[in-house]
């Protein structure tokens, strides 16, 4: 038995947090709600960013001819994040990776001040 098969979990995904990484920014989510946005250069959380406390509406895929195709599915690498409800529309730059933030990073999220 390989080490990969020993640690494989085939049940329902229970982890709640994920992080979409773009060129300059990390978007941190609990479920479909953006709970924190962090500048990748400074490492500082951006408490007043338009995405904080908003629900992810889906993704935007750009084709080679420049056509933008929105989707209600979760964004994939190479797509932009789209926030359409709860304020001004927001389309991010393209997602370069989707990661699981570590427990220490999740614990460092700023307290939610908007409600």
Protein backbone atom coordinates (compact mmCIF):
# COMPACT_ATOMS: atom_id res chain seq x y z
CA UNK A 1 0.00 0.00 0.00
CA UNK A 2 1.47 3.36 -0.97
CA UNK A 3 1.56 6.31 1.41
CA UNK A 4 -0.88 8.18 -0.87
CA UNK A 5 -3.56 5.50 -0.60
CA UNK A 6 -3.20 5.24 3.19
CA UNK A 7 -4.00 8.94 3.62
CA UNK A 8 -6.68 9.19 0.99
CA UNK A 9 -10.10 10.23 2.27
CA UNK A 10 -13.06 9.36 0.06
CA UNK A 11 -15.78 10.81 2.29
CA UNK A 12 -17.52 14.17 2.11
CA UNK A 13 -15.21 17.20 2.22
CA UNK A 14 -15.52 18.72 5.71
CA UNK A 15 -12.95 21.48 5.55
CA UNK A 16 -14.59 24.89 5.37
CA UNK A 17 -11.72 27.22 4.51
CA UNK A 18 -10.08 27.77 1.14
CA UNK A 19 -7.98 30.50 -0.39
CA UNK A 20 -8.03 31.77 -3.96
CA UNK A 21 -4.69 33.34 -4.90
CA UNK A 22 -4.48 36.01 -7.61
CA UNK A 23 -1.46 38.03 -8.76
CA UNK A 24 -1.60 40.52 -5.88
CA UNK A 25 -4.22 39.24 -3.47
CA UNK A 26 -5.42 36.25 -1.47
CA UNK A 27 -9.17 35.79 -1.04
CA UNK A 28 -9.99 33.70 2.04
CA UNK A 29 -13.33 31.90 2.25
CA UNK A 30 -15.37 30.00 4.77
CA UNK A 31 -17.85 28.17 2.58
CA UNK A 32 -18.86 30.65 -0.15
CA UNK A 33 -18.36 33.76 2.04
CA UNK A 34 -15.18 35.81 1.74
CA UNK A 35 -14.01 36.29 5.33
CA UNK A 36 -10.66 37.97 4.66
CA UNK A 37 -8.60 39.50 1.86
CA UNK A 38 -4.83 39.76 2.18
CA UNK A 39 -2.26 41.66 0.12
CA UNK A 40 0.37 39.19 -1.05
CA UNK A 41 3.23 41.70 -1.03
CA UNK A 42 2.74 43.19 2.43
CA UNK A 43 0.95 40.27 4.08
CA UNK A 44 -1.56 42.72 5.55
CA UNK A 45 -5.27 41.99 5.63
CA UNK A 46 -7.40 44.50 3.71
CA UNK A 47 -10.37 45.00 6.03
CA UNK A 48 -12.18 47.42 3.70
CA UNK A 49 -11.78 45.40 0.48
CA UNK A 50 -15.04 45.13 -1.50
CA UNK A 51 -15.01 41.31 -1.29
CA UNK A 52 -14.98 41.04 2.52
CA UNK A 53 -18.23 39.61 3.91
CA UNK A 54 -19.62 38.93 0.44
CA UNK A 55 -20.79 35.68 -1.09
CA UNK A 56 -18.92 34.36 -4.09
CA UNK A 57 -21.29 34.41 -7.07
CA UNK A 58 -19.06 32.31 -9.34
CA UNK A 59 -16.22 32.65 -11.79
CA UNK A 60 -15.45 34.35 -15.08
CA UNK A 61 -13.57 32.51 -17.80
CA UNK A 62 -11.81 34.55 -20.50
CA UNK A 63 -11.38 33.07 -23.96
CA UNK A 64 -8.46 33.85 -26.27
CA UNK A 65 -10.68 36.20 -28.31
CA UNK A 66 -11.39 38.29 -25.19
CA UNK A 67 -14.90 36.99 -24.58
CA UNK A 68 -15.77 36.75 -20.88
CA UNK A 69 -18.09 33.91 -19.90
CA UNK A 70 -19.55 34.05 -16.38
CA UNK A 71 -20.44 30.88 -14.49
CA UNK A 72 -22.18 30.24 -11.19
CA UNK A 73 -19.73 27.41 -10.51
CA UNK A 74 -16.79 27.96 -8.18
CA UNK A 75 -13.87 29.57 -10.05
CA UNK A 76 -11.03 27.38 -11.26
CA UNK A 77 -7.39 28.24 -11.79
CA UNK A 78 -7.15 30.64 -14.74
CA UNK A 79 -10.55 32.19 -14.04
CA UNK A 80 -11.50 35.37 -12.20
CA UNK A 81 -13.65 35.42 -9.05
CA UNK A 82 -17.00 37.16 -9.41
CA UNK A 83 -18.97 38.86 -6.65
CA UNK A 84 -22.34 40.07 -7.92
CA UNK A 85 -24.53 40.37 -4.83
CA UNK A 86 -24.33 42.58 -1.77
CA UNK A 87 -22.66 45.63 -3.34
CA UNK A 88 -20.89 46.76 -6.47
CA UNK A 89 -20.01 44.02 -8.91
CA UNK A 90 -16.45 42.86 -8.44
CA UNK A 91 -14.34 40.78 -10.83
CA UNK A 92 -10.85 39.91 -9.61
CA UNK A 93 -7.72 39.23 -11.61
CA UNK A 94 -7.16 35.62 -12.66
CA UNK A 95 -6.77 32.94 -10.03
CA UNK A 96 -3.28 31.40 -10.03
CA UNK A 97 -3.90 28.78 -7.33
CA UNK A 98 -6.53 27.45 -4.94
CA UNK A 99 -5.15 26.42 -1.57
CA UNK A 100 -6.13 25.42 1.94
CA UNK A 101 -4.94 28.02 4.46
CA UNK A 102 -3.17 26.63 7.51
CA UNK A 103 -4.77 26.78 10.94
CA UNK A 104 -2.41 29.55 12.03
CA UNK A 105 -3.41 31.72 9.09
CA UNK A 106 -7.12 31.09 9.71
CA UNK A 107 -6.62 32.05 13.37
CA UNK A 108 -5.02 35.34 12.27
CA UNK A 109 -8.05 36.51 10.26
CA UNK A 110 -9.19 39.95 11.40
CA UNK A 111 -12.44 40.17 13.36
CA UNK A 112 -15.43 40.89 11.16
CA UNK A 113 -16.50 44.48 11.65
CA UNK A 114 -19.11 44.84 8.95
CA UNK A 115 -22.44 43.30 9.39
